[in-house]
Amino acid sequence: MNNKKTVLLIATTASFLTPFMGSSINIALPSIGREFAMDAILLSWVATSYLLAAAVALVPSGRIADIHGRKRIFTYGIWIYTIAAALSAISNSAVMLISFRILQGIGGAMIGVTAIAMLTSVFPVGERGKVLGINVAAVYLGLSLGPVLGGLLTQHFGWRSIFWASVPLGLIVIASIFWKLRGEWADAKGEKFDL
C-alpha cells in the first residue's frame, strides 16, 4: 500500500472513531446517570465536557501541528484519545468520568484537525475532493452507527463497553502509524507559536 492510501486509511479510521464515540455515549447517558447517581445537569457534562475541551483545543492543536508536524500531533492525539477511553471505562465516579472525557476531547481535537491536514498535505489538489469526501463519509458513518452500536453495547455489556470498544480501534490506528506511515508534514516548521 502506498503512503497516500495509508494516510487515507489511517485518517478515515480515526475520523470514524471520534464521532462514533460522541454519538454512542448519548445512548448510554441514562445508564451512566443511574450508576453514579447523577442529576441531569451533572450528567449533561459527560457529553458537554468532551465537546468543550475539543472546541478549546482545536485551533491550538492545528497550529502546533503546523509547526511541529501533523503526523506527530495526530499520533499524540490518538494516544491521548485511546488512553482516555480506557480510563473512562474504569471510572468509578462522575468526576473521574468527566475529567477523562475532557482529556478525550483534547485528543479528539488533535485527531480531527490533523487528519484533514494530513490528507491535504499528501493528496494533490485534483484528488482532494474525493479523499475529503471519503473522510467526511467516515465521520457521518460514525455518527450514524454510534447510536445503534452504542445502544447494543450498552444493553448487552453495559455503558463501559462503549469506551472499551474504541480502544482496539485506537490501538490499530497507532500500530498503523508506526508500521506504515512515512513522512512528516510541518508547513510552518521553525515558526513561533501564535494564534
N, C-alpha and C. Protein backbone atom coordinates (compact mmCIF):
# COMPACT_ATOMS: atom_id res chain seq x y z
N MET A 1 0.86 -1.18 0.00
CA MET A 1 0.00 0.00 0.00
C MET A 1 0.90 1.24 0.00
N ASN A 2 0.64 2.17 -0.91
CA ASN A 2 1.48 3.37 -0.94
C ASN A 2 1.09 4.32 0.19
N ASN A 3 1.94 5.33 0.39
CA ASN A 3 1.77 6.22 1.54
C ASN A 3 0.47 7.00 1.47
N LYS A 4 0.03 7.39 0.27
CA LYS A 4 -1.22 8.15 0.16
C LYS A 4 -2.40 7.32 0.65
N LYS A 5 -2.46 6.06 0.23
CA LYS A 5 -3.56 5.20 0.67
C LYS A 5 -3.48 4.91 2.17
N THR A 6 -2.26 4.80 2.67
CA THR A 6 -2.08 4.57 4.11
C THR A 6 -2.60 5.76 4.91
N VAL A 7 -2.24 6.97 4.47
CA VAL A 7 -2.72 8.18 5.15
C VAL A 7 -4.25 8.22 5.10
N LEU A 8 -4.82 7.90 3.95
CA LEU A 8 -6.28 7.92 3.81
C LEU A 8 -6.92 6.92 4.76
N LEU A 9 -6.39 5.72 4.83
CA LEU A 9 -6.96 4.69 5.70
C LEU A 9 -6.86 5.07 7.17
N ILE A 10 -5.70 5.57 7.58
CA ILE A 10 -5.49 5.95 8.97
C ILE A 10 -6.37 7.14 9.34
N ALA A 11 -6.35 8.17 8.51
CA ALA A 11 -7.14 9.38 8.80
C ALA A 11 -8.63 9.08 8.81
N THR A 12 -9.08 8.24 7.89
CA THR A 12 -10.51 7.91 7.81
C THR A 12 -10.96 7.07 8.99
N THR A 13 -10.13 6.13 9.41
CA THR A 13 -10.47 5.31 10.58
C THR A 13 -10.57 6.17 11.83
N ALA A 14 -9.61 7.07 12.01
CA ALA A 14 -9.65 7.96 13.17
C ALA A 14 -10.83 8.93 13.08
N SER A 15 -11.14 9.37 11.86
CA SER A 15 -12.28 10.27 11.68
C SER A 15 -13.61 9.58 11.96
N PHE A 16 -13.67 8.28 11.80
CA PHE A 16 -14.85 7.49 12.18
C PHE A 16 -14.95 7.38 13.70
N LEU A 17 -13.83 7.20 14.35
CA LEU A 17 -13.79 6.88 15.78
C LEU A 17 -14.36 7.99 16.65
N THR A 18 -13.96 9.22 16.41
CA THR A 18 -14.38 10.31 17.30
C THR A 18 -15.88 10.59 17.26
N PRO A 19 -16.52 10.70 16.10
CA PRO A 19 -17.97 10.90 16.13
C PRO A 19 -18.74 9.67 16.57
N PHE A 20 -18.18 8.48 16.33
CA PHE A 20 -18.82 7.26 16.81
C PHE A 20 -18.95 7.31 18.33
N MET A 21 -17.87 7.67 18.99
CA MET A 21 -17.90 7.76 20.45
C MET A 21 -18.87 8.84 20.90
N GLY A 22 -18.83 9.98 20.23
CA GLY A 22 -19.70 11.08 20.62
C GLY A 22 -21.17 10.75 20.51
N SER A 23 -21.55 10.05 19.45
CA SER A 23 -22.97 9.74 19.29
C SER A 23 -23.40 8.51 20.07
N SER A 24 -22.49 7.59 20.33
CA SER A 24 -22.87 6.39 21.08
C SER A 24 -22.99 6.66 22.57
N ILE A 25 -22.20 7.59 23.07
CA ILE A 25 -22.23 7.86 24.52
C ILE A 25 -23.57 8.48 24.93
N ASN A 26 -24.21 9.19 24.01
CA ASN A 26 -25.51 9.79 24.34
C ASN A 26 -26.55 8.74 24.69
N ILE A 27 -26.48 7.59 24.04
CA ILE A 27 -27.41 6.50 24.33
C ILE A 27 -27.16 5.92 25.72
N ALA A 28 -25.91 5.98 26.16
CA ALA A 28 -25.53 5.38 27.45
C ALA A 28 -25.75 6.32 28.63
N LEU A 29 -26.10 7.56 28.39
CA LEU A 29 -26.23 8.53 29.49
C LEU A 29 -27.18 8.08 30.59
N PRO A 30 -28.35 7.54 30.29
CA PRO A 30 -29.21 7.08 31.39
C PRO A 30 -28.55 6.02 32.28
N SER A 31 -27.83 5.09 31.67
CA SER A 31 -27.14 4.06 32.46
C SER A 31 -26.03 4.66 33.31
N ILE A 32 -25.30 5.60 32.74
CA ILE A 32 -24.23 6.27 33.49
C ILE A 32 -24.83 7.04 34.65
N GLY A 33 -25.91 7.77 34.39
CA GLY A 33 -26.57 8.54 35.44
C GLY A 33 -27.05 7.68 36.59
N ARG A 34 -27.59 6.52 36.28
CA ARG A 34 -28.05 5.61 37.34
C ARG A 34 -26.88 5.08 38.16
N GLU A 35 -25.81 4.70 37.48
CA GLU A 35 -24.68 4.11 38.20
C GLU A 35 -24.02 5.11 39.15
N PHE A 36 -23.88 6.35 38.72
CA PHE A 36 -23.20 7.34 39.54
C PHE A 36 -24.15 8.28 40.26
N ALA A 37 -25.44 8.01 40.22
CA ALA A 37 -26.47 8.83 40.86
C ALA A 37 -26.31 10.31 40.48
N MET A 38 -26.22 10.57 39.19
CA MET A 38 -26.01 11.92 38.68
C MET A 38 -27.34 12.57 38.35
N ASP A 39 -27.47 13.85 38.70
CA ASP A 39 -28.66 14.58 38.28
C ASP A 39 -28.48 15.00 36.82
N ALA A 40 -29.51 15.57 36.23
CA ALA A 40 -29.50 15.88 34.80
C ALA A 40 -28.39 16.87 34.43
N ILE A 41 -28.13 17.83 35.29
CA ILE A 41 -27.11 18.84 34.99
C ILE A 41 -25.73 18.21 34.98
N LEU A 42 -25.41 17.44 36.00
CA LEU A 42 -24.11 16.79 36.06
C LEU A 42 -23.96 15.77 34.92
N LEU A 43 -25.01 15.06 34.63
CA LEU A 43 -24.98 14.06 33.56
C LEU A 43 -24.71 14.71 32.20
N SER A 44 -25.24 15.90 32.00
CA SER A 44 -25.01 16.57 30.71
C SER A 44 -23.53 16.89 30.49
N TRP A 45 -22.77 16.99 31.58
CA TRP A 45 -21.35 17.29 31.46
C TRP A 45 -20.54 16.11 30.90
N VAL A 46 -21.09 14.91 30.93
CA VAL A 46 -20.38 13.77 30.33
C VAL A 46 -20.18 14.02 28.83
N ALA A 47 -21.18 14.54 28.17
CA ALA A 47 -21.06 14.87 26.74
C ALA A 47 -20.48 16.26 26.53
N THR A 48 -20.93 17.23 27.33
CA THR A 48 -20.51 18.62 27.14
C THR A 48 -19.02 18.81 27.40
N SER A 49 -18.47 18.12 28.39
CA SER A 49 -17.05 18.28 28.72
C SER A 49 -16.17 17.90 27.53
N TYR A 50 -16.55 16.84 26.84
CA TYR A 50 -15.80 16.42 25.65
C TYR A 50 -15.86 17.51 24.58
N LEU A 51 -17.06 17.98 24.28
CA LEU A 51 -17.24 18.98 23.22
C LEU A 51 -16.53 20.28 23.55
N LEU A 52 -16.61 20.71 24.80
CA LEU A 52 -15.97 21.95 25.22
C LEU A 52 -14.45 21.84 25.11
N ALA A 53 -13.90 20.74 25.59
CA ALA A 53 -12.45 20.54 25.51
C ALA A 53 -11.99 20.48 24.06
N ALA A 54 -12.75 19.79 23.22
CA ALA A 54 -12.39 19.69 21.80
C ALA A 54 -12.43 21.06 21.14
N ALA A 55 -13.44 21.85 21.46
CA ALA A 55 -13.56 23.18 20.86
C ALA A 55 -12.40 24.08 21.27
N VAL A 56 -12.01 24.01 22.53
CA VAL A 56 -10.92 24.85 23.03
C VAL A 56 -9.58 24.41 22.44
N ALA A 57 -9.38 23.12 22.26
CA ALA A 57 -8.08 22.59 21.82
C ALA A 57 -7.92 22.57 20.30
N LEU A 58 -8.97 22.79 19.55
CA LEU A 58 -8.92 22.62 18.10
C LEU A 58 -7.92 23.56 17.42
N VAL A 59 -8.04 24.84 17.63
CA VAL A 59 -7.16 25.80 16.94
C VAL A 59 -5.71 25.68 17.42
N PRO A 60 -5.45 25.63 18.74
CA PRO A 60 -4.05 25.45 19.15
C PRO A 60 -3.43 24.15 18.62
N SER A 61 -4.21 23.08 18.57
CA SER A 61 -3.69 21.81 18.06
C SER A 61 -3.29 21.94 16.59
N GLY A 62 -4.10 22.63 15.82
CA GLY A 62 -3.78 22.83 14.42
C GLY A 62 -2.50 23.62 14.22
N ARG A 63 -2.35 24.67 15.00
CA ARG A 63 -1.14 25.50 14.88
C ARG A 63 0.10 24.73 15.33
N ILE A 64 -0.02 24.01 16.44
CA ILE A 64 1.11 23.20 16.92
C ILE A 64 1.47 22.14 15.88
N ALA A 65 0.48 21.55 15.24
CA ALA A 65 0.73 20.55 14.20
C ALA A 65 1.45 21.16 13.00
N ASP A 66 1.09 22.38 12.63
CA ASP A 66 1.75 23.06 11.52
C ASP A 66 3.23 23.31 11.83
N ILE A 67 3.53 23.56 13.09
CA ILE A 67 4.91 23.87 13.49
C ILE A 67 5.72 22.61 13.75
N HIS A 68 5.16 21.67 14.48
CA HIS A 68 5.92 20.51 14.95
C HIS A 68 5.65 19.23 14.17
N GLY A 69 4.70 19.23 13.29
CA GLY A 69 4.44 18.06 12.46
C GLY A 69 3.05 17.50 12.68
N ARG A 70 2.35 17.33 11.58
CA ARG A 70 0.96 16.85 11.65
C ARG A 70 0.89 15.39 12.09
N LYS A 71 1.80 14.57 11.58
CA LYS A 71 1.79 13.16 11.98
C LYS A 71 2.07 13.04 13.48
N ARG A 72 2.99 13.82 13.98
CA ARG A 72 3.35 13.76 15.40
C ARG A 72 2.15 14.13 16.27
N ILE A 73 1.48 15.23 15.96
CA ILE A 73 0.34 15.67 16.77
C ILE A 73 -0.83 14.71 16.61
N PHE A 74 -1.02 14.18 15.41
CA PHE A 74 -2.06 13.17 15.19
C PHE A 74 -1.79 11.94 16.06
N THR A 75 -0.54 11.51 16.08
CA THR A 75 -0.17 10.34 16.89
C THR A 75 -0.40 10.60 18.37
N TYR A 76 0.03 11.76 18.85
CA TYR A 76 -0.23 12.11 20.26
C TYR A 76 -1.73 12.13 20.53
N GLY A 77 -2.48 12.68 19.59
CA GLY A 77 -3.93 12.77 19.75
C GLY A 77 -4.59 11.41 19.86
N ILE A 78 -4.20 10.47 19.01
CA ILE A 78 -4.82 9.15 19.07
C ILE A 78 -4.40 8.40 20.33
N TRP A 79 -3.16 8.62 20.78
CA TRP A 79 -2.74 8.04 22.07
C TRP A 79 -3.59 8.60 23.21
N ILE A 80 -3.70 9.92 23.27
CA ILE A 80 -4.49 10.55 24.33
C ILE A 80 -5.93 10.07 24.29
N TYR A 81 -6.50 10.04 23.10
CA TYR A 81 -7.89 9.61 22.93
C TYR A 81 -8.09 8.18 23.40
N THR A 82 -7.20 7.29 23.01
CA THR A 82 -7.33 5.87 23.36
C THR A 82 -7.12 5.64 24.85
N ILE A 83 -6.11 6.28 25.42
CA ILE A 83 -5.87 6.15 26.87
C ILE A 83 -7.05 6.72 27.65
N ALA A 84 -7.56 7.87 27.22
CA ALA A 84 -8.71 8.47 27.91
C ALA A 84 -9.95 7.59 27.81
N ALA A 85 -10.11 6.89 26.69
CA ALA A 85 -11.24 5.96 26.55
C ALA A 85 -11.12 4.82 27.56
N ALA A 86 -9.91 4.27 27.69
CA ALA A 86 -9.70 3.19 28.67
C ALA A 86 -9.91 3.69 30.09
N LEU A 87 -9.42 4.89 30.38
CA LEU A 87 -9.61 5.46 31.72
C LEU A 87 -11.09 5.76 31.99
N SER A 88 -11.80 6.22 30.98
CA SER A 88 -13.24 6.46 31.13
C SER A 88 -13.96 5.16 31.46
N ALA A 89 -13.53 4.08 30.84
CA ALA A 89 -14.17 2.78 31.06
C ALA A 89 -13.99 2.28 32.48
N ILE A 90 -12.91 2.69 33.14
CA ILE A 90 -12.68 2.22 34.51
C ILE A 90 -13.00 3.29 35.56
N SER A 91 -13.63 4.37 35.13
CA SER A 91 -14.00 5.44 36.07
C SER A 91 -14.92 4.89 37.15
N ASN A 92 -14.70 5.37 38.37
CA ASN A 92 -15.57 4.94 39.46
C ASN A 92 -16.33 6.09 40.10
N SER A 93 -16.32 7.24 39.43
CA SER A 93 -17.12 8.37 39.91
C SER A 93 -17.45 9.28 38.73
N ALA A 94 -18.42 10.13 38.94
CA ALA A 94 -18.82 11.08 37.90
C ALA A 94 -17.69 12.05 37.58
N VAL A 95 -17.00 12.51 38.62
CA VAL A 95 -15.91 13.47 38.42
C VAL A 95 -14.79 12.84 37.59
N MET A 96 -14.45 11.59 37.89
CA MET A 96 -13.42 10.90 37.11
C MET A 96 -13.84 10.79 35.65
N LEU A 97 -15.07 10.37 35.42
CA LEU A 97 -15.54 10.19 34.04
C LEU A 97 -15.51 11.51 33.28
N ILE A 98 -15.99 12.57 33.89
CA ILE A 98 -16.00 13.87 33.23
C ILE A 98 -14.57 14.35 32.97
N SER A 99 -13.67 14.12 33.91
CA SER A 99 -12.26 14.51 33.73
C SER A 99 -11.63 13.77 32.56
N PHE A 100 -11.88 12.48 32.47
CA PHE A 100 -11.32 11.71 31.37
C PHE A 100 -11.97 12.06 30.04
N ARG A 101 -13.22 12.48 30.08
CA ARG A 101 -13.89 12.94 28.85
C ARG A 101 -13.27 14.25 28.37
N ILE A 102 -12.84 15.10 29.30
CA ILE A 102 -12.12 16.33 28.91
C ILE A 102 -10.83 15.95 28.19
N LEU A 103 -10.09 15.02 28.78
CA LEU A 103 -8.85 14.55 28.16
C LEU A 103 -9.13 13.94 26.79
N GLN A 104 -10.19 13.19 26.69
CA GLN A 104 -10.56 12.57 25.42
C GLN A 104 -10.92 13.65 24.38
N GLY A 105 -11.55 14.72 24.82
CA GLY A 105 -11.88 15.82 23.92
C GLY A 105 -10.64 16.49 23.35
N ILE A 106 -9.62 16.64 24.18
CA ILE A 106 -8.36 17.22 23.70
C ILE A 106 -7.74 16.31 22.64
N GLY A 107 -7.72 15.01 22.93
CA GLY A 107 -7.21 14.06 21.93
C GLY A 107 -8.04 14.07 20.66
N GLY A 108 -9.35 14.16 20.81
CA GLY A 108 -10.24 14.21 19.65
C GLY A 108 -9.98 15.43 18.78
N ALA A 109 -9.70 16.57 19.41
CA ALA A 109 -9.38 17.78 18.65
C ALA A 109 -8.09 17.61 17.88
N MET A 110 -7.10 17.00 18.52
CA MET A 110 -5.81 16.78 17.86
C MET A 110 -5.97 15.84 16.66
N ILE A 111 -6.83 14.85 16.79
CA ILE A 111 -7.10 13.92 15.69
C ILE A 111 -7.83 14.63 14.55
N GLY A 112 -8.90 15.31 14.89
CA GLY A 112 -9.76 15.93 13.88
C GLY A 112 -9.05 16.95 13.02
N VAL A 113 -8.29 17.82 13.66
CA VAL A 113 -7.65 18.90 12.92
C VAL A 113 -6.48 18.38 12.08
N THR A 114 -5.78 17.36 12.56
CA THR A 114 -4.62 16.88 11.81
C THR A 114 -4.98 15.85 10.75
N ALA A 115 -6.06 15.11 10.92
CA ALA A 115 -6.45 14.11 9.92
C ALA A 115 -6.70 14.78 8.57
N ILE A 116 -7.47 15.84 8.59
CA ILE A 116 -7.77 16.55 7.34
C ILE A 116 -6.52 17.23 6.80
N ALA A 117 -5.71 17.80 7.69
CA ALA A 117 -4.48 18.46 7.25
C ALA A 117 -3.50 17.47 6.62
N MET A 118 -3.42 16.25 7.16
CA MET A 118 -2.55 15.24 6.57
C MET A 118 -3.04 14.86 5.18
N LEU A 119 -4.34 14.72 5.04
CA LEU A 119 -4.89 14.36 3.72
C LEU A 119 -4.58 15.44 2.69
N THR A 120 -4.75 16.69 3.06
CA THR A 120 -4.47 17.77 2.10
C THR A 120 -2.97 17.92 1.84
N SER A 121 -2.14 17.47 2.77
CA SER A 121 -0.69 17.52 2.56
C SER A 121 -0.22 16.44 1.60
N VAL A 122 -0.88 15.30 1.60
CA VAL A 122 -0.43 14.14 0.83
C VAL A 122 -1.05 14.08 -0.56
N PHE A 123 -2.31 14.46 -0.67
CA PHE A 123 -3.01 14.31 -1.95
C PHE A 123 -2.95 15.61 -2.75
N PRO A 124 -2.71 15.50 -4.07
CA PRO A 124 -2.71 16.70 -4.91
C PRO A 124 -4.11 17.30 -5.02
N VAL A 125 -4.16 18.53 -5.45
CA VAL A 125 -5.42 19.28 -5.50
C VAL A 125 -6.50 18.52 -6.26
N GLY A 126 -6.16 17.87 -7.34
CA GLY A 126 -7.14 17.17 -8.15
C GLY A 126 -7.79 15.97 -7.46
N GLU A 127 -7.13 15.42 -6.45
CA GLU A 127 -7.65 14.25 -5.74
C GLU A 127 -8.27 14.60 -4.38
N ARG A 128 -8.11 15.82 -3.94
CA ARG A 128 -8.55 16.19 -2.59
C ARG A 128 -10.05 16.09 -2.39
N GLY A 129 -10.82 16.47 -3.37
CA GLY A 129 -12.27 16.41 -3.23
C GLY A 129 -12.74 14.99 -2.93
N LYS A 130 -12.17 14.04 -3.64
CA LYS A 130 -12.53 12.64 -3.45
C LYS A 130 -12.14 12.15 -2.06
N VAL A 131 -10.89 12.41 -1.64
CA VAL A 131 -10.45 11.89 -0.35
C VAL A 131 -11.11 12.61 0.82
N LEU A 132 -11.36 13.89 0.68
CA LEU A 132 -12.08 14.60 1.74
C LEU A 132 -13.52 14.11 1.83
N GLY A 133 -14.10 13.76 0.68
CA GLY A 133 -15.44 13.17 0.68
C GLY A 133 -15.47 11.83 1.40
N ILE A 134 -14.44 11.01 1.17
CA ILE A 134 -14.34 9.73 1.87
C ILE A 134 -14.20 9.96 3.37
N ASN A 135 -13.39 10.94 3.74
CA ASN A 135 -13.20 11.25 5.16
C ASN A 135 -14.49 11.73 5.81
N VAL A 136 -15.21 12.60 5.13
CA VAL A 136 -16.49 13.09 5.66
C VAL A 136 -17.50 11.95 5.75
N ALA A 137 -17.47 11.04 4.79
CA ALA A 137 -18.36 9.87 4.85
C ALA A 137 -18.07 9.04 6.09
N ALA A 138 -16.79 8.91 6.45
CA ALA A 138 -16.43 8.16 7.66
C ALA A 138 -16.96 8.85 8.91
N VAL A 139 -16.90 10.18 8.92
CA VAL A 139 -17.44 10.94 10.05
C VAL A 139 -18.93 10.65 10.21
N TYR A 140 -19.66 10.72 9.11
CA TYR A 140 -21.11 10.51 9.19
C TYR A 140 -21.47 9.05 9.42
N LEU A 141 -20.63 8.15 8.99
CA LEU A 141 -20.84 6.74 9.31
C LEU A 141 -20.70 6.52 10.82
N GLY A 142 -19.70 7.17 11.41
CA GLY A 142 -19.54 7.10 12.86
C GLY A 142 -20.72 7.69 13.60
N LEU A 143 -21.19 8.84 13.12
CA LEU A 143 -22.37 9.46 13.74
C LEU A 143 -23.61 8.59 13.61
N SER A 144 -23.74 7.91 12.48
CA SER A 144 -24.92 7.08 12.23
C SER A 144 -24.88 5.75 12.98
N LEU A 145 -23.73 5.12 13.01
CA LEU A 145 -23.62 3.82 13.68
C LEU A 145 -23.51 3.94 15.19
N GLY A 146 -23.08 5.10 15.67
CA GLY A 146 -22.90 5.30 17.11
C GLY A 146 -24.12 4.97 17.94
N PRO A 147 -25.28 5.53 17.65
CA PRO A 147 -26.46 5.21 18.46
C PRO A 147 -26.86 3.74 18.39
N VAL A 148 -26.74 3.14 17.22
CA VAL A 148 -27.15 1.74 17.07
C VAL A 148 -26.20 0.82 17.84
N LEU A 149 -24.91 0.92 17.52
CA LEU A 149 -23.94 0.06 18.19
C LEU A 149 -23.78 0.41 19.66
N GLY A 150 -23.86 1.72 19.96
CA GLY A 150 -23.79 2.14 21.37
C GLY A 150 -24.94 1.59 22.18
N GLY A 151 -26.12 1.58 21.59
CA GLY A 151 -27.29 1.01 22.26
C GLY A 151 -27.15 -0.48 22.48
N LEU A 152 -26.68 -1.18 21.47
CA LEU A 152 -26.47 -2.63 21.60
C LEU A 152 -25.41 -2.95 22.66
N LEU A 153 -24.30 -2.22 22.60
CA LEU A 153 -23.25 -2.45 23.59
C LEU A 153 -23.73 -2.15 25.00
N THR A 154 -24.42 -1.03 25.17
CA THR A 154 -24.92 -0.66 26.49
C THR A 154 -25.91 -1.67 27.01
N GLN A 155 -26.81 -2.11 26.17
CA GLN A 155 -27.84 -3.06 26.59
C GLN A 155 -27.25 -4.41 26.99
N HIS A 156 -26.29 -4.89 26.23
CA HIS A 156 -25.78 -6.24 26.46
C HIS A 156 -24.53 -6.31 27.35
N PHE A 157 -23.73 -5.23 27.35
CA PHE A 157 -22.46 -5.29 28.09
C PHE A 157 -22.26 -4.13 29.05
N GLY A 158 -23.17 -3.17 29.09
CA GLY A 158 -23.03 -2.02 29.97
C GLY A 158 -22.38 -0.84 29.26
N TRP A 159 -22.52 0.32 29.85
CA TRP A 159 -22.04 1.54 29.21
C TRP A 159 -20.52 1.58 29.05
N ARG A 160 -19.81 0.92 29.93
CA ARG A 160 -18.34 0.93 29.84
C ARG A 160 -17.85 0.27 28.55
N SER A 161 -18.64 -0.63 28.00
CA SER A 161 -18.23 -1.34 26.78
C SER A 161 -18.09 -0.39 25.59
N ILE A 162 -18.78 0.73 25.61
CA ILE A 162 -18.64 1.70 24.52
C ILE A 162 -17.21 2.23 24.50
N PHE A 163 -16.68 2.53 25.67
CA PHE A 163 -15.31 3.02 25.75
C PHE A 163 -14.32 1.91 25.40
N TRP A 164 -14.56 0.72 25.93
CA TRP A 164 -13.67 -0.40 25.63
C TRP A 164 -13.66 -0.73 24.14
N ALA A 165 -14.78 -0.57 23.47
CA ALA A 165 -14.86 -0.89 22.04
C ALA A 165 -13.97 0.02 21.20
N SER A 166 -13.75 1.25 21.65
CA SER A 166 -12.93 2.16 20.87
C SER A 166 -11.43 1.95 21.10
N VAL A 167 -11.06 1.28 22.18
CA VAL A 167 -9.64 1.08 22.48
C VAL A 167 -8.92 0.25 21.41
N PRO A 168 -9.44 -0.92 21.02
CA PRO A 168 -8.73 -1.69 19.98
C PRO A 168 -8.60 -0.94 18.65
N LEU A 169 -9.63 -0.20 18.29
CA LEU A 169 -9.56 0.57 17.05
C LEU A 169 -8.47 1.64 17.14
N GLY A 170 -8.40 2.30 18.29
CA GLY A 170 -7.34 3.28 18.50
C GLY A 170 -5.96 2.65 18.44
N LEU A 171 -5.81 1.47 19.03
CA LEU A 171 -4.52 0.78 19.01
C LEU A 171 -4.14 0.34 17.59
N ILE A 172 -5.13 -0.05 16.81
CA ILE A 172 -4.86 -0.41 15.41
C ILE A 172 -4.36 0.80 14.63
N VAL A 173 -4.98 1.95 14.86
CA VAL A 173 -4.53 3.18 14.20
C VAL A 173 -3.10 3.51 14.62
N ILE A 174 -2.81 3.41 15.92
CA ILE A 174 -1.46 3.70 16.42
C ILE A 174 -0.44 2.76 15.78
N ALA A 175 -0.75 1.46 15.76
CA ALA A 175 0.17 0.49 15.15
C ALA A 175 0.38 0.80 13.67
N SER A 176 -0.67 1.18 12.98
CA SER A 176 -0.57 1.51 11.55
C SER A 176 0.32 2.72 11.33
N ILE A 177 0.24 3.69 12.22
CA ILE A 177 1.08 4.88 12.11
C ILE A 177 2.55 4.48 12.19
N PHE A 178 2.89 3.67 13.18
CA PHE A 178 4.29 3.31 13.38
C PHE A 178 4.82 2.36 12.32
N TRP A 179 3.99 1.46 11.81
CA TRP A 179 4.46 0.48 10.85
C TRP A 179 4.35 0.92 9.40
N LYS A 180 3.39 1.75 9.09
CA LYS A 180 3.11 2.03 7.68
C LYS A 180 3.27 3.48 7.25
N LEU A 181 3.07 4.42 8.16
CA LEU A 181 3.01 5.83 7.76
C LEU A 181 4.41 6.44 7.70
N ARG A 182 4.77 6.91 6.53
CA ARG A 182 6.09 7.51 6.32
C ARG A 182 5.92 9.01 6.05
N GLY A 183 6.91 9.75 6.50
CA GLY A 183 6.91 11.18 6.24
C GLY A 183 6.32 11.98 7.38
N GLU A 184 6.58 13.27 7.32
CA GLU A 184 6.05 14.22 8.30
C GLU A 184 5.72 15.48 7.54
N TRP A 185 4.69 16.17 7.99
CA TRP A 185 4.24 17.37 7.31
C TRP A 185 4.15 18.49 8.33
N ALA A 186 5.04 19.48 8.16
CA ALA A 186 5.07 20.64 9.06
C ALA A 186 5.31 21.88 8.20
N ASP A 187 4.25 22.48 7.72
CA ASP A 187 4.36 23.61 6.80
C ASP A 187 4.92 24.87 7.44
N ALA A 188 4.82 24.97 8.75
CA ALA A 188 5.27 26.18 9.45
C ALA A 188 6.44 25.87 10.38
N LYS A 189 7.23 24.87 10.04
CA LYS A 189 8.34 24.44 10.90
C LYS A 189 9.27 25.61 11.18
N GLY A 190 9.62 25.77 12.44
CA GLY A 190 10.52 26.84 12.85
C GLY A 190 9.82 28.13 13.21
N GLU A 191 8.55 28.27 12.87
CA GLU A 191 7.82 29.48 13.25
C GLU A 191 7.46 29.45 14.72
N LYS A 192 7.19 30.62 15.26
CA LYS A 192 6.77 30.71 16.66
C LYS A 192 5.29 30.38 16.77
N PHE A 193 4.93 29.88 17.96
CA PHE A 193 3.52 29.57 18.21
C PHE A 193 2.76 30.85 18.48
N ASP A 194 1.73 31.09 17.70
CA ASP A 194 0.82 32.21 17.93
C ASP A 194 -0.54 31.82 17.39
N LEU A 195 -1.55 32.43 17.89
CA LEU A 195 -2.90 32.15 17.42
C LEU A 195 -3.43 33.37 16.71
